[in-house]
Amino acid sequence: MTARVLMIALALALAVTPAAAQQTAASPPAAPPIAGPTTGPVTAPVPVRSILFIGNSFTFGALSPVRRYRADTVTDLNKNGIGGVPALFKRFTDQAGLSYTVSVEAVSGMGLEYHYTQKRALIDKAWDVVILQDFSTLDRAKPGNPGLHLRYAALLAKMVAARNPAVDIELSATWSRADLVYKPGSPWSGQPIDRMATDLRRAADQARAGAPQIRGVIPIGEAWNRALAAGLADPNPYDGTSFGQIDLWSYDQYHASAYGYYLEALLIFGRVTGLDPRSLGVGELAADDLGLAPGVTLALQRLAYEQLASEAARPRR
């Protein structure tokens, strides 16, 4: 890690204005506000909550060391030995003193329609929290078309809510794929790098508006955009990673790197638990396991906090 990376990361992590330092991240009704770590001893038993991650390679951390990370700490319903983003989430919650049983049902290259039609026997159960992640372009045959996304997000939400009406269902809105932006042949070819993530967020908002069981949207792609705009991450991996920046994409410019998946997991942690991702701190264990520089760890935690806090400006339904 170069000195310039550390300087950029530390500047992002530490440059907190007085107003920002006092800001509390808002979340939709029934989800707790983002809060800092508690002080003093815990006197009451910590309730155990169940969480299910439904998704694909973006969920299980393909093409990165995250894929097999601490696979023994989560239950892979497909029995493929996956750790992935769910294992990062588990690592975070353990450090925060929370108790979650974490399950994952993820199949590479598949969208929500596949999980609803082919994996229902595994996932149609009572859960406390469910994270839904669709295919990266929403529809493989019609990239950018939200039709399947809207239909199957609603069907899955209705299905799991029937088992537990109080379930917290969160819909992930993922990142811009550099391969679809900088190469020809896609609806996003030649567009600004942030456009695809913005389109995916728009579709997620539409899905949430059409399915009252979906409690919120996890703004993963927008957090990537924030990292690019802040100069922490390089916006174009095809011309090489600029000195002093990190690469959020893996070597295929499609999937995430360890940095990208770490940021994804931070957002899920903050959104689901209501805790400030910055509360994990510079000594966060997963970051150390993955070899992230301390300054970069702090910068990614801060970006996750800022993105979740920015959700307060969005209209509530």
C-alpha atoms as a PDB file:
ATOM      1  CA  MET A   1       0.000   0.000   0.000  1.00  0.00           C
ATOM      2  CA  THR A   2       1.569   3.312  -1.026  1.00  0.00           C
ATOM      3  CA  ALA A   3       1.978   6.342   1.157  1.00  0.00           C
ATOM      4  CA  ARG A   4      -0.390   8.299  -1.107  1.00  0.00           C
ATOM      5  CA  VAL A   5      -3.172   5.683  -0.654  1.00  0.00           C
ATOM      6  CA  LEU A   6      -2.780   5.986   3.104  1.00  0.00           C
ATOM      7  CA  MET A   7      -2.861   9.775   2.936  1.00  0.00           C
ATOM      8  CA  ILE A   8      -6.052   9.798   0.818  1.00  0.00           C
ATOM      9  CA  ALA A   9      -7.715   7.165   2.973  1.00  0.00           C
ATOM     10  CA  LEU A  10      -6.830   8.849   6.234  1.00  0.00           C
ATOM     11  CA  ALA A  11      -7.990  12.211   4.941  1.00  0.00           C
ATOM     12  CA  LEU A  12     -11.368  10.713   4.000  1.00  0.00           C
ATOM     13  CA  ALA A  13     -11.636   8.868   7.285  1.00  0.00           C
ATOM     14  CA  LEU A  14     -10.726  11.794   9.512  1.00  0.00           C
ATOM     15  CA  ALA A  15     -12.181  14.790   7.666  1.00  0.00           C
ATOM     16  CA  VAL A  16     -15.351  15.041   9.680  1.00  0.00           C
ATOM     17  CA  THR A  17     -17.004  18.420   9.998  1.00  0.00           C
ATOM     18  CA  PRO A  18     -18.694  19.276  13.322  1.00  0.00           C
ATOM     19  CA  ALA A  19     -22.116  19.016  11.682  1.00  0.00           C
ATOM     20  CA  ALA A  20     -21.316  15.661  10.122  1.00  0.00           C
ATOM     21  CA  ALA A  21     -19.974  14.341  13.397  1.00  0.00           C
ATOM     22  CA  GLN A  22     -23.322  15.054  15.060  1.00  0.00           C
ATOM     23  CA  GLN A  23     -25.450  13.707  12.237  1.00  0.00           C
ATOM     24  CA  THR A  24     -27.445  10.558  12.887  1.00  0.00           C
ATOM     25  CA  ALA A  25     -28.221   8.370   9.893  1.00  0.00           C
ATOM     26  CA  ALA A  26     -31.933   8.038   9.334  1.00  0.00           C
ATOM     27  CA  SER A  27     -33.516   4.818   8.231  1.00  0.00           C
ATOM     28  CA  PRO A  28     -37.039   3.886   7.166  1.00  0.00           C
ATOM     29  CA  PRO A  29     -39.733   3.241   9.742  1.00  0.00           C
ATOM     30  CA  ALA A  30     -39.222   0.134  11.897  1.00  0.00           C
ATOM     31  CA  ALA A  31     -35.465   0.077  11.227  1.00  0.00           C
ATOM     32  CA  PRO A  32     -33.291   1.412  14.061  1.00  0.00           C
ATOM     33  CA  PRO A  33     -31.246   4.599  13.637  1.00  0.00           C
ATOM     34  CA  ILE A  34     -27.527   4.368  13.079  1.00  0.00           C
ATOM     35  CA  ALA A  35     -25.883   4.726  16.450  1.00  0.00           C
ATOM     36  CA  GLY A  36     -22.422   4.541  17.879  1.00  0.00           C
ATOM     37  CA  PRO A  37     -21.179   1.778  20.160  1.00  0.00           C
ATOM     38  CA  THR A  38     -22.725   1.532  23.598  1.00  0.00           C
ATOM     39  CA  THR A  39     -20.686   1.986  26.728  1.00  0.00           C
ATOM     40  CA  GLY A  40     -20.752   0.004  29.925  1.00  0.00           C
ATOM     41  CA  PRO A  41     -21.408  -3.694  30.527  1.00  0.00           C
ATOM     42  CA  VAL A  42     -24.203  -5.546  28.770  1.00  0.00           C
ATOM     43  CA  THR A  43     -26.610  -6.766  31.395  1.00  0.00           C
ATOM     44  CA  ALA A  44     -29.355  -8.347  29.309  1.00  0.00           C
ATOM     45  CA  PRO A  45     -29.006 -11.445  27.122  1.00  0.00           C
ATOM     46  CA  VAL A  46     -28.410 -10.629  23.466  1.00  0.00           C
ATOM     47  CA  PRO A  47     -31.332 -11.905  21.368  1.00  0.00           C
ATOM     48  CA  VAL A  48     -30.431 -14.215  18.508  1.00  0.00           C
ATOM     49  CA  ARG A  49     -31.687 -13.103  15.086  1.00  0.00           C
ATOM     50  CA  SER A  50     -31.710 -15.058  11.848  1.00  0.00           C
ATOM     51  CA  ILE A  51     -30.676 -13.525   8.533  1.00  0.00           C
ATOM     52  CA  LEU A  52     -30.825 -15.009   5.041  1.00  0.00           C
ATOM     53  CA  PHE A  53     -28.853 -13.684   2.072  1.00  0.00           C
ATOM     54  CA  ILE A  54     -30.402 -14.514  -1.317  1.00  0.00           C
ATOM     55  CA  GLY A  55     -28.274 -13.656  -4.317  1.00  0.00           C
ATOM     56  CA  ASN A  56     -25.441 -14.627  -6.620  1.00  0.00           C
ATOM     57  CA  SER A  57     -21.720 -14.084  -7.131  1.00  0.00           C
ATOM     58  CA  PHE A  58     -22.016 -10.514  -5.877  1.00  0.00           C
ATOM     59  CA  THR A  59     -23.280 -12.044  -2.609  1.00  0.00           C
ATOM     60  CA  PHE A  60     -20.697 -14.786  -2.217  1.00  0.00           C
ATOM     61  CA  GLY A  61     -17.686 -12.655  -3.095  1.00  0.00           C
ATOM     62  CA  ALA A  62     -16.612 -14.206  -6.390  1.00  0.00           C
ATOM     63  CA  LEU A  63     -13.066 -13.592  -7.660  1.00  0.00           C
ATOM     64  CA  SER A  64     -11.806 -12.436  -4.280  1.00  0.00           C
ATOM     65  CA  PRO A  65     -10.579 -13.912  -1.006  1.00  0.00           C
ATOM     66  CA  VAL A  66     -13.993 -13.084   0.426  1.00  0.00           C
ATOM     67  CA  ARG A  67     -15.583 -16.089  -1.307  1.00  0.00           C
ATOM     68  CA  ARG A  68     -14.276 -18.697   1.162  1.00  0.00           C
ATOM     69  CA  TYR A  69     -13.847 -16.305   4.061  1.00  0.00           C
ATOM     70  CA  ARG A  70     -14.833 -17.940   7.373  1.00  0.00           C
ATOM     71  CA  ALA A  71     -17.288 -20.258   5.640  1.00  0.00           C
ATOM     72  CA  ASP A  72     -17.654 -22.232   8.858  1.00  0.00           C
ATOM     73  CA  THR A  73     -19.421 -19.284  10.500  1.00  0.00           C
ATOM     74  CA  VAL A  74     -22.403 -19.252   8.117  1.00  0.00           C
ATOM     75  CA  THR A  75     -24.792 -21.850   6.725  1.00  0.00           C
ATOM     76  CA  ASP A  76     -24.575 -22.250   2.962  1.00  0.00           C
ATOM     77  CA  LEU A  77     -27.953 -23.716   2.032  1.00  0.00           C
ATOM     78  CA  ASN A  78     -26.525 -24.899  -1.306  1.00  0.00           C
ATOM     79  CA  LYS A  79     -23.609 -26.623   0.461  1.00  0.00           C
ATOM     80  CA  ASN A  80     -20.891 -25.021  -1.676  1.00  0.00           C
ATOM     81  CA  GLY A  81     -18.679 -23.860   1.172  1.00  0.00           C
ATOM     82  CA  ILE A  82     -19.473 -20.185   0.708  1.00  0.00           C
ATOM     83  CA  GLY A  83     -18.529 -17.544   3.263  1.00  0.00           C
ATOM     84  CA  GLY A  84     -18.685 -14.347   1.234  1.00  0.00           C
ATOM     85  CA  VAL A  85     -20.377 -11.118   2.228  1.00  0.00           C
ATOM     86  CA  PRO A  86     -22.591 -13.021   4.726  1.00  0.00           C
ATOM     87  CA  ALA A  87     -19.465 -14.120   6.602  1.00  0.00           C
ATOM     88  CA  LEU A  88     -18.185 -10.531   6.687  1.00  0.00           C
ATOM     89  CA  PHE A  89     -21.552  -9.464   8.107  1.00  0.00           C
ATOM     90  CA  LYS A  90     -21.286 -12.198  10.731  1.00  0.00           C
ATOM     91  CA  ARG A  91     -17.764 -11.073  11.640  1.00  0.00           C
ATOM     92  CA  PHE A  92     -18.967  -7.479  12.073  1.00  0.00           C
ATOM     93  CA  THR A  93     -21.944  -8.403  14.238  1.00  0.00           C
ATOM     94  CA  ASP A  94     -19.852 -10.640  16.486  1.00  0.00           C
ATOM     95  CA  GLN A  95     -17.476  -7.742  17.115  1.00  0.00           C
ATOM     96  CA  ALA A  96     -20.450  -5.472  17.843  1.00  0.00           C
ATOM     97  CA  GLY A  97     -21.748  -7.870  20.481  1.00  0.00           C
ATOM     98  CA  LEU A  98     -24.760  -8.943  18.430  1.00  0.00           C
ATOM     99  CA  SER A  99     -25.949 -12.490  17.824  1.00  0.00           C
ATOM    100  CA  TYR A 100     -26.984 -13.534  14.314  1.00  0.00           C
ATOM    101  CA  THR A 101     -27.403 -16.943  12.724  1.00  0.00           C
ATOM    102  CA  VAL A 102     -26.423 -16.306   9.109  1.00  0.00           C
ATOM    103  CA  SER A 103     -27.568 -18.327   6.090  1.00  0.00           C
ATOM    104  CA  VAL A 104     -26.830 -17.828   2.414  1.00  0.00           C
ATOM    105  CA  GLU A 105     -28.531 -19.110  -0.726  1.00  0.00           C
ATOM    106  CA  ALA A 106     -26.495 -17.792  -3.641  1.00  0.00           C
ATOM    107  CA  VAL A 107     -26.016 -19.135  -7.170  1.00  0.00           C
ATOM    108  CA  SER A 108     -23.656 -17.537  -9.676  1.00  0.00           C
ATOM    109  CA  GLY A 109     -25.278 -15.634 -12.532  1.00  0.00           C
ATOM    110  CA  MET A 110     -28.828 -16.018 -11.262  1.00  0.00           C
ATOM    111  CA  GLY A 111     -31.536 -13.454 -10.597  1.00  0.00           C
ATOM    112  CA  LEU A 112     -34.396 -13.369  -8.141  1.00  0.00           C
ATOM    113  CA  GLU A 113     -36.675 -15.305 -10.482  1.00  0.00           C
ATOM    114  CA  TYR A 114     -34.366 -18.325 -10.215  1.00  0.00           C
ATOM    115  CA  HIS A 115     -34.438 -18.340  -6.438  1.00  0.00           C
ATOM    116  CA  TYR A 116     -38.210 -18.042  -6.361  1.00  0.00           C
ATOM    117  CA  THR A 117     -38.837 -20.788  -8.900  1.00  0.00           C
ATOM    118  CA  GLN A 118     -35.967 -23.189  -8.171  1.00  0.00           C
ATOM    119  CA  LYS A 119     -34.905 -22.683  -4.554  1.00  0.00           C
ATOM    120  CA  ARG A 120     -38.160 -22.119  -2.767  1.00  0.00           C
ATOM    121  CA  ALA A 121     -37.863 -25.301  -0.708  1.00  0.00           C
ATOM    122  CA  LEU A 122     -34.672 -23.952   0.867  1.00  0.00           C
ATOM    123  CA  ILE A 123     -35.738 -20.384   1.538  1.00  0.00           C
ATOM    124  CA  ASP A 124     -39.490 -20.481   2.214  1.00  0.00           C
ATOM    125  CA  LYS A 125     -39.114 -20.360   5.985  1.00  0.00           C
ATOM    126  CA  ALA A 126     -39.411 -17.858   8.819  1.00  0.00           C
ATOM    127  CA  TRP A 127     -36.492 -15.426   8.989  1.00  0.00           C
ATOM    128  CA  ASP A 128     -35.921 -12.252  10.962  1.00  0.00           C
ATOM    129  CA  VAL A 129     -34.029 -10.526   8.124  1.00  0.00           C
ATOM    130  CA  VAL A 130     -33.791 -11.304   4.399  1.00  0.00           C
ATOM    131  CA  ILE A 131     -31.399  -9.608   1.974  1.00  0.00           C
ATOM    132  CA  LEU A 132     -32.464  -9.832  -1.685  1.00  0.00           C
ATOM    133  CA  GLN A 133     -29.883  -9.283  -4.411  1.00  0.00           C
ATOM    134  CA  ASP A 134     -30.804  -9.546  -8.080  1.00  0.00           C
ATOM    135  CA  PHE A 135     -28.725 -10.154 -11.203  1.00  0.00           C
ATOM    136  CA  SER A 136     -26.301  -7.330 -11.947  1.00  0.00           C
ATOM    137  CA  THR A 137     -28.240  -6.026 -14.986  1.00  0.00           C
ATOM    138  CA  LEU A 138     -31.708  -6.898 -13.584  1.00  0.00           C
ATOM    139  CA  ASP A 139     -32.527  -8.996 -16.673  1.00  0.00           C
ATOM    140  CA  ARG A 140     -29.840 -10.971 -18.511  1.00  0.00           C
ATOM    141  CA  ALA A 141     -31.780 -10.968 -21.791  1.00  0.00           C
ATOM    142  CA  LYS A 142     -32.895  -7.332 -21.523  1.00  0.00           C
ATOM    143  CA  PRO A 143     -30.231  -5.462 -19.550  1.00  0.00           C
ATOM    144  CA  GLY A 144     -31.677  -2.598 -17.568  1.00  0.00           C
ATOM    145  CA  ASN A 145     -35.292  -3.708 -17.972  1.00  0.00           C
ATOM    146  CA  PRO A 146     -36.791  -3.758 -14.457  1.00  0.00           C
ATOM    147  CA  GLY A 147     -39.761  -6.011 -15.237  1.00  0.00           C
ATOM    148  CA  LEU A 148     -38.394  -9.259 -13.783  1.00  0.00           C
ATOM    149  CA  HIS A 149     -36.864  -7.389 -10.876  1.00  0.00           C
ATOM    150  CA  LEU A 150     -40.156  -5.805  -9.874  1.00  0.00           C
ATOM    151  CA  ARG A 151     -42.111  -9.033 -10.243  1.00  0.00           C
ATOM    152  CA  TYR A 152     -39.828 -11.402  -8.354  1.00  0.00           C
ATOM    153  CA  ALA A 153     -38.730  -9.004  -5.639  1.00  0.00           C
ATOM    154  CA  ALA A 154     -42.419  -8.664  -4.795  1.00  0.00           C
ATOM    155  CA  LEU A 155     -43.070 -12.420  -4.959  1.00  0.00           C
ATOM    156  CA  LEU A 156     -40.120 -13.276  -2.736  1.00  0.00           C
ATOM    157  CA  ALA A 157     -41.034 -10.538  -0.275  1.00  0.00           C
ATOM    158  CA  LYS A 158     -44.606 -11.756  -0.069  1.00  0.00           C
ATOM    159  CA  MET A 159     -43.409 -15.333   0.391  1.00  0.00           C
ATOM    160  CA  VAL A 160     -41.082 -14.677   3.327  1.00  0.00           C
ATOM    161  CA  ALA A 161     -43.485 -12.203   4.949  1.00  0.00           C
ATOM    162  CA  ALA A 162     -46.133 -14.902   4.972  1.00  0.00           C
ATOM    163  CA  ARG A 163     -43.855 -16.910   7.272  1.00  0.00           C
ATOM    164  CA  ASN A 164     -42.998 -13.930   9.500  1.00  0.00           C
ATOM    165  CA  PRO A 165     -44.960 -10.700   9.032  1.00  0.00           C
ATOM    166  CA  ALA A 166     -42.324  -8.816  11.047  1.00  0.00           C
ATOM    167  CA  VAL A 167     -39.448  -9.839   8.785  1.00  0.00           C
ATOM    168  CA  ASP A 168     -37.036  -7.070   7.760  1.00  0.00           C
ATOM    169  CA  ILE A 169     -36.664  -7.437   3.969  1.00  0.00           C
ATOM    170  CA  GLU A 170     -33.901  -5.361   2.382  1.00  0.00           C
ATOM    171  CA  LEU A 171     -33.241  -5.063  -1.348  1.00  0.00           C
ATOM    172  CA  SER A 172     -29.666  -4.527  -2.510  1.00  0.00           C
ATOM    173  CA  ALA A 173     -28.939  -2.046  -5.304  1.00  0.00           C
ATOM    174  CA  THR A 174     -25.533  -2.975  -6.681  1.00  0.00           C
ATOM    175  CA  TRP A 175     -22.687  -1.239  -8.510  1.00  0.00           C
ATOM    176  CA  SER A 176     -21.826  -0.100 -12.002  1.00  0.00           C
ATOM    177  CA  ARG A 177     -20.002  -2.797 -13.941  1.00  0.00           C
ATOM    178  CA  ALA A 178     -16.920  -1.274 -15.533  1.00  0.00           C
ATOM    179  CA  ASP A 179     -16.998  -3.914 -18.284  1.00  0.00           C
ATOM    180  CA  LEU A 180     -20.438  -2.691 -19.360  1.00  0.00           C
ATOM    181  CA  VAL A 181     -19.470   0.982 -19.237  1.00  0.00           C
ATOM    182  CA  TYR A 182     -16.071   1.049 -20.921  1.00  0.00           C
ATOM    183  CA  LYS A 183     -16.739  -1.666 -23.512  1.00  0.00           C
ATOM    184  CA  PRO A 184     -19.290  -1.401 -26.361  1.00  0.00           C
ATOM    185  CA  GLY A 185     -22.540  -3.324 -26.597  1.00  0.00           C
ATOM    186  CA  SER A 186     -24.452  -2.509 -23.425  1.00  0.00           C
ATOM    187  CA  PRO A 187     -27.074   0.112 -22.541  1.00  0.00           C
ATOM    188  CA  TRP A 188     -24.436   1.790 -20.347  1.00  0.00           C
ATOM    189  CA  SER A 189     -21.594   1.835 -22.875  1.00  0.00           C
ATOM    190  CA  GLY A 190     -19.999   5.266 -23.010  1.00  0.00           C
ATOM    191  CA  GLN A 191     -22.099   6.579 -20.112  1.00  0.00           C
ATOM    192  CA  PRO A 192     -20.616   8.095 -16.944  1.00  0.00           C
ATOM    193  CA  ILE A 193     -19.411   5.380 -14.589  1.00  0.00           C
ATOM    194  CA  ASP A 194     -22.013   6.277 -11.961  1.00  0.00           C
ATOM    195  CA  ARG A 195     -25.008   5.946 -14.314  1.00  0.00           C
ATOM    196  CA  MET A 196     -25.543   2.185 -14.088  1.00  0.00           C
ATOM    197  CA  ALA A 197     -25.589   2.204 -10.287  1.00  0.00           C
ATOM    198  CA  THR A 198     -28.093   5.068 -10.366  1.00  0.00           C
ATOM    199  CA  ASP A 199     -30.328   3.107 -12.735  1.00  0.00           C
ATOM    200  CA  LEU A 200     -30.167   0.031 -10.518  1.00  0.00           C
ATOM    201  CA  ARG A 201     -31.113   2.119  -7.497  1.00  0.00           C
ATOM    202  CA  ARG A 202     -34.082   3.546  -9.377  1.00  0.00           C
ATOM    203  CA  ALA A 203     -35.310   0.036 -10.142  1.00  0.00           C
ATOM    204  CA  ALA A 204     -34.871  -1.004  -6.501  1.00  0.00           C
ATOM    205  CA  ASP A 205     -36.906   1.994  -5.370  1.00  0.00           C
ATOM    206  CA  GLN A 206     -39.645   1.008  -7.808  1.00  0.00           C
ATOM    207  CA  ALA A 207     -39.617  -2.541  -6.444  1.00  0.00           C
ATOM    208  CA  ARG A 208     -39.845  -1.294  -2.898  1.00  0.00           C
ATOM    209  CA  ALA A 209     -42.720   1.036  -3.754  1.00  0.00           C
ATOM    210  CA  GLY A 210     -44.611  -1.879  -5.289  1.00  0.00           C
ATOM    211  CA  ALA A 211     -44.035  -4.329  -2.451  1.00  0.00           C
ATOM    212  CA  PRO A 212     -45.011  -3.082   1.016  1.00  0.00           C
ATOM    213  CA  GLN A 213     -43.178  -6.002   2.621  1.00  0.00           C
ATOM    214  CA  ILE A 214     -39.799  -4.607   1.484  1.00  0.00           C
ATOM    215  CA  ARG A 215     -38.568  -2.339   4.244  1.00  0.00           C
ATOM    216  CA  GLY A 216     -35.629  -0.658   2.558  1.00  0.00           C
ATOM    217  CA  VAL A 217     -32.905  -0.513  -0.083  1.00  0.00           C
ATOM    218  CA  ILE A 218     -29.208  -1.036   0.598  1.00  0.00           C
ATOM    219  CA  PRO A 219     -27.369   1.578  -1.527  1.00  0.00           C
ATOM    220  CA  ILE A 220     -24.262  -0.397  -2.466  1.00  0.00           C
ATOM    221  CA  GLY A 221     -23.777   1.068  -5.927  1.00  0.00           C
ATOM    222  CA  GLU A 222     -24.228   4.603  -4.680  1.00  0.00           C
ATOM    223  CA  ALA A 223     -21.579   4.023  -2.034  1.00  0.00           C
ATOM    224  CA  TRP A 224     -19.228   2.897  -4.814  1.00  0.00           C
ATOM    225  CA  ASN A 225     -20.070   6.110  -6.651  1.00  0.00           C
ATOM    226  CA  ARG A 226     -19.227   8.028  -3.501  1.00  0.00           C
ATOM    227  CA  ALA A 227     -15.850   6.281  -3.243  1.00  0.00           C
ATOM    228  CA  LEU A 228     -15.097   7.136  -6.875  1.00  0.00           C
ATOM    229  CA  ALA A 229     -16.140  10.762  -6.458  1.00  0.00           C
ATOM    230  CA  ALA A 230     -14.052  11.105  -3.289  1.00  0.00           C
ATOM    231  CA  GLY A 231     -10.933   9.918  -5.086  1.00  0.00           C
ATOM    232  CA  LEU A 232     -10.426   6.884  -2.865  1.00  0.00           C
ATOM    233  CA  ALA A 233     -11.174   4.485  -5.744  1.00  0.00           C
ATOM    234  CA  ASP A 234     -10.081   4.599  -9.384  1.00  0.00           C
ATOM    235  CA  PRO A 235     -13.064   5.099 -11.738  1.00  0.00           C
ATOM    236  CA  ASN A 236     -11.536   3.328 -14.759  1.00  0.00           C
ATOM    237  CA  PRO A 237      -9.724   0.039 -14.170  1.00  0.00           C
ATOM    238  CA  TYR A 238      -9.030  -0.350 -17.889  1.00  0.00           C
ATOM    239  CA  ASP A 239      -6.323   2.313 -17.863  1.00  0.00           C
ATOM    240  CA  GLY A 240      -4.685   0.948 -14.736  1.00  0.00           C
ATOM    241  CA  THR A 241      -5.258   1.816 -11.129  1.00  0.00           C
ATOM    242  CA  SER A 242      -3.935   5.297 -10.506  1.00  0.00           C
ATOM    243  CA  PHE A 243      -1.190   5.740  -7.963  1.00  0.00           C
ATOM    244  CA  GLY A 244      -2.688   6.314  -4.537  1.00  0.00           C
ATOM    245  CA  GLN A 245      -6.104   4.795  -5.274  1.00  0.00           C
ATOM    246  CA  ILE A 246      -7.779   1.431  -4.717  1.00  0.00           C
ATOM    247  CA  ASP A 247      -9.668  -0.694  -7.246  1.00  0.00           C
ATOM    248  CA  LEU A 248     -13.193  -1.640  -6.201  1.00  0.00           C
ATOM    249  CA  TRP A 249     -13.485  -4.132  -9.076  1.00  0.00           C
ATOM    250  CA  SER A 250     -11.844  -7.528  -9.409  1.00  0.00           C
ATOM    251  CA  TYR A 251      -9.668  -8.500 -12.379  1.00  0.00           C
ATOM    252  CA  ASP A 252     -12.677  -8.985 -14.679  1.00  0.00           C
ATOM    253  CA  GLN A 253     -13.883  -5.389 -14.094  1.00  0.00           C
ATOM    254  CA  TYR A 254     -17.293  -6.929 -13.298  1.00  0.00           C
ATOM    255  CA  HIS A 255     -17.187  -8.466  -9.838  1.00  0.00           C
ATOM    256  CA  ALA A 256     -15.894  -6.689  -6.763  1.00  0.00           C
ATOM    257  CA  SER A 257     -12.456  -6.817  -5.211  1.00  0.00           C
ATOM    258  CA  ALA A 258     -12.015  -7.404  -1.490  1.00  0.00           C
ATOM    259  CA  TYR A 259     -12.373  -3.620  -1.086  1.00  0.00           C
ATOM    260  CA  GLY A 260     -15.698  -3.620  -2.913  1.00  0.00           C
ATOM    261  CA  TYR A 261     -17.141  -6.542  -0.986  1.00  0.00           C
ATOM    262  CA  TYR A 262     -15.964  -5.063   2.298  1.00  0.00           C
ATOM    263  CA  LEU A 263     -17.848  -1.861   1.500  1.00  0.00           C
ATOM    264  CA  GLU A 264     -20.939  -3.902   0.555  1.00  0.00           C
ATOM    265  CA  ALA A 265     -20.833  -5.756   3.866  1.00  0.00           C
ATOM    266  CA  LEU A 266     -20.421  -2.527   5.830  1.00  0.00           C
ATOM    267  CA  LEU A 267     -23.560  -1.105   4.234  1.00  0.00           C
ATOM    268  CA  ILE A 268     -25.577  -4.223   5.025  1.00  0.00           C
ATOM    269  CA  PHE A 269     -24.267  -4.208   8.595  1.00  0.00           C
ATOM    270  CA  GLY A 270     -25.221  -0.558   9.094  1.00  0.00           C
ATOM    271  CA  ARG A 271     -28.597  -0.868   7.450  1.00  0.00           C
ATOM    272  CA  VAL A 272     -29.678  -4.071   9.224  1.00  0.00           C
ATOM    273  CA  THR A 273     -28.331  -3.420  12.717  1.00  0.00           C
ATOM    274  CA  GLY A 274     -28.748   0.356  12.813  1.00  0.00           C
ATOM    275  CA  LEU A 275     -25.167   0.717  14.073  1.00  0.00           C
ATOM    276  CA  ASP A 276     -22.697   3.219  12.687  1.00  0.00           C
ATOM    277  CA  PRO A 277     -20.156   1.303  10.526  1.00  0.00           C
ATOM    278  CA  ARG A 278     -17.474   3.604  11.928  1.00  0.00           C
ATOM    279  CA  SER A 279     -18.028   1.995  15.331  1.00  0.00           C
ATOM    280  CA  LEU A 280     -16.123  -1.070  14.062  1.00  0.00           C
ATOM    281  CA  GLY A 281     -12.995   1.044  13.985  1.00  0.00           C
ATOM    282  CA  VAL A 282      -9.466   0.706  12.723  1.00  0.00           C
ATOM    283  CA  GLY A 283      -8.974  -2.627  14.491  1.00  0.00           C
ATOM    284  CA  GLU A 284     -11.874  -4.323  12.709  1.00  0.00           C
ATOM    285  CA  LEU A 285     -10.870  -7.982  12.350  1.00  0.00           C
ATOM    286  CA  ALA A 286     -12.138  -8.835   8.863  1.00  0.00           C
ATOM    287  CA  ALA A 287     -10.253  -5.904   7.359  1.00  0.00           C
ATOM    288  CA  ASP A 288      -7.100  -7.160   9.031  1.00  0.00           C
ATOM    289  CA  ASP A 289      -7.768 -10.710   7.780  1.00  0.00           C
ATOM    290  CA  LEU A 290      -8.158  -9.405   4.218  1.00  0.00           C
ATOM    291  CA  GLY A 291      -5.058  -7.234   4.383  1.00  0.00           C
ATOM    292  CA  LEU A 292      -6.744  -3.844   4.123  1.00  0.00           C
ATOM    293  CA  ALA A 293      -4.596  -0.915   5.185  1.00  0.00           C
ATOM    294  CA  PRO A 294      -5.861   0.764   8.378  1.00  0.00           C
ATOM    295  CA  GLY A 295      -6.444   4.086   6.632  1.00  0.00           C
ATOM    296  CA  VAL A 296      -8.441   2.437   3.862  1.00  0.00           C
ATOM    297  CA  THR A 297     -10.496   0.508   6.417  1.00  0.00           C
ATOM    298  CA  LEU A 298     -11.434   3.754   8.152  1.00  0.00           C
ATOM    299  CA  ALA A 299     -12.201   5.468   4.853  1.00  0.00           C
ATOM    300  CA  LEU A 300     -14.522   2.665   3.718  1.00  0.00           C
ATOM    301  CA  GLN A 301     -16.300   2.658   7.081  1.00  0.00           C
ATOM    302  CA  ARG A 302     -16.805   6.401   6.810  1.00  0.00           C
ATOM    303  CA  LEU A 303     -18.114   6.145   3.238  1.00  0.00           C
ATOM    304  CA  ALA A 304     -20.617   3.504   4.342  1.00  0.00           C
ATOM    305  CA  TYR A 305     -21.778   5.744   7.182  1.00  0.00           C
ATOM    306  CA  GLU A 306     -22.129   8.758   4.892  1.00  0.00           C
ATOM    307  CA  GLN A 307     -24.114   6.825   2.312  1.00  0.00           C
ATOM    308  CA  LEU A 308     -26.501   5.431   4.890  1.00  0.00           C
ATOM    309  CA  ALA A 309     -26.862   8.858   6.464  1.00  0.00           C
ATOM    310  CA  SER A 310     -27.701  10.361   3.073  1.00  0.00           C
ATOM    311  CA  GLU A 311     -30.764   8.131   2.885  1.00  0.00           C
ATOM    312  CA  ALA A 312     -32.438  10.587   5.283  1.00  0.00           C
ATOM    313  CA  ALA A 313     -32.848  12.969   2.363  1.00  0.00           C
ATOM    314  CA  ARG A 314     -34.906  10.475   0.388  1.00  0.00           C
ATOM    315  CA  PRO A 315     -38.703  10.623   0.634  1.00  0.00           C
ATOM    316  CA  ARG A 316     -40.266   7.951   2.800  1.00  0.00           C
ATOM    317  CA  ARG A 317     -43.272   5.995   1.726  1.00  0.00           C
END
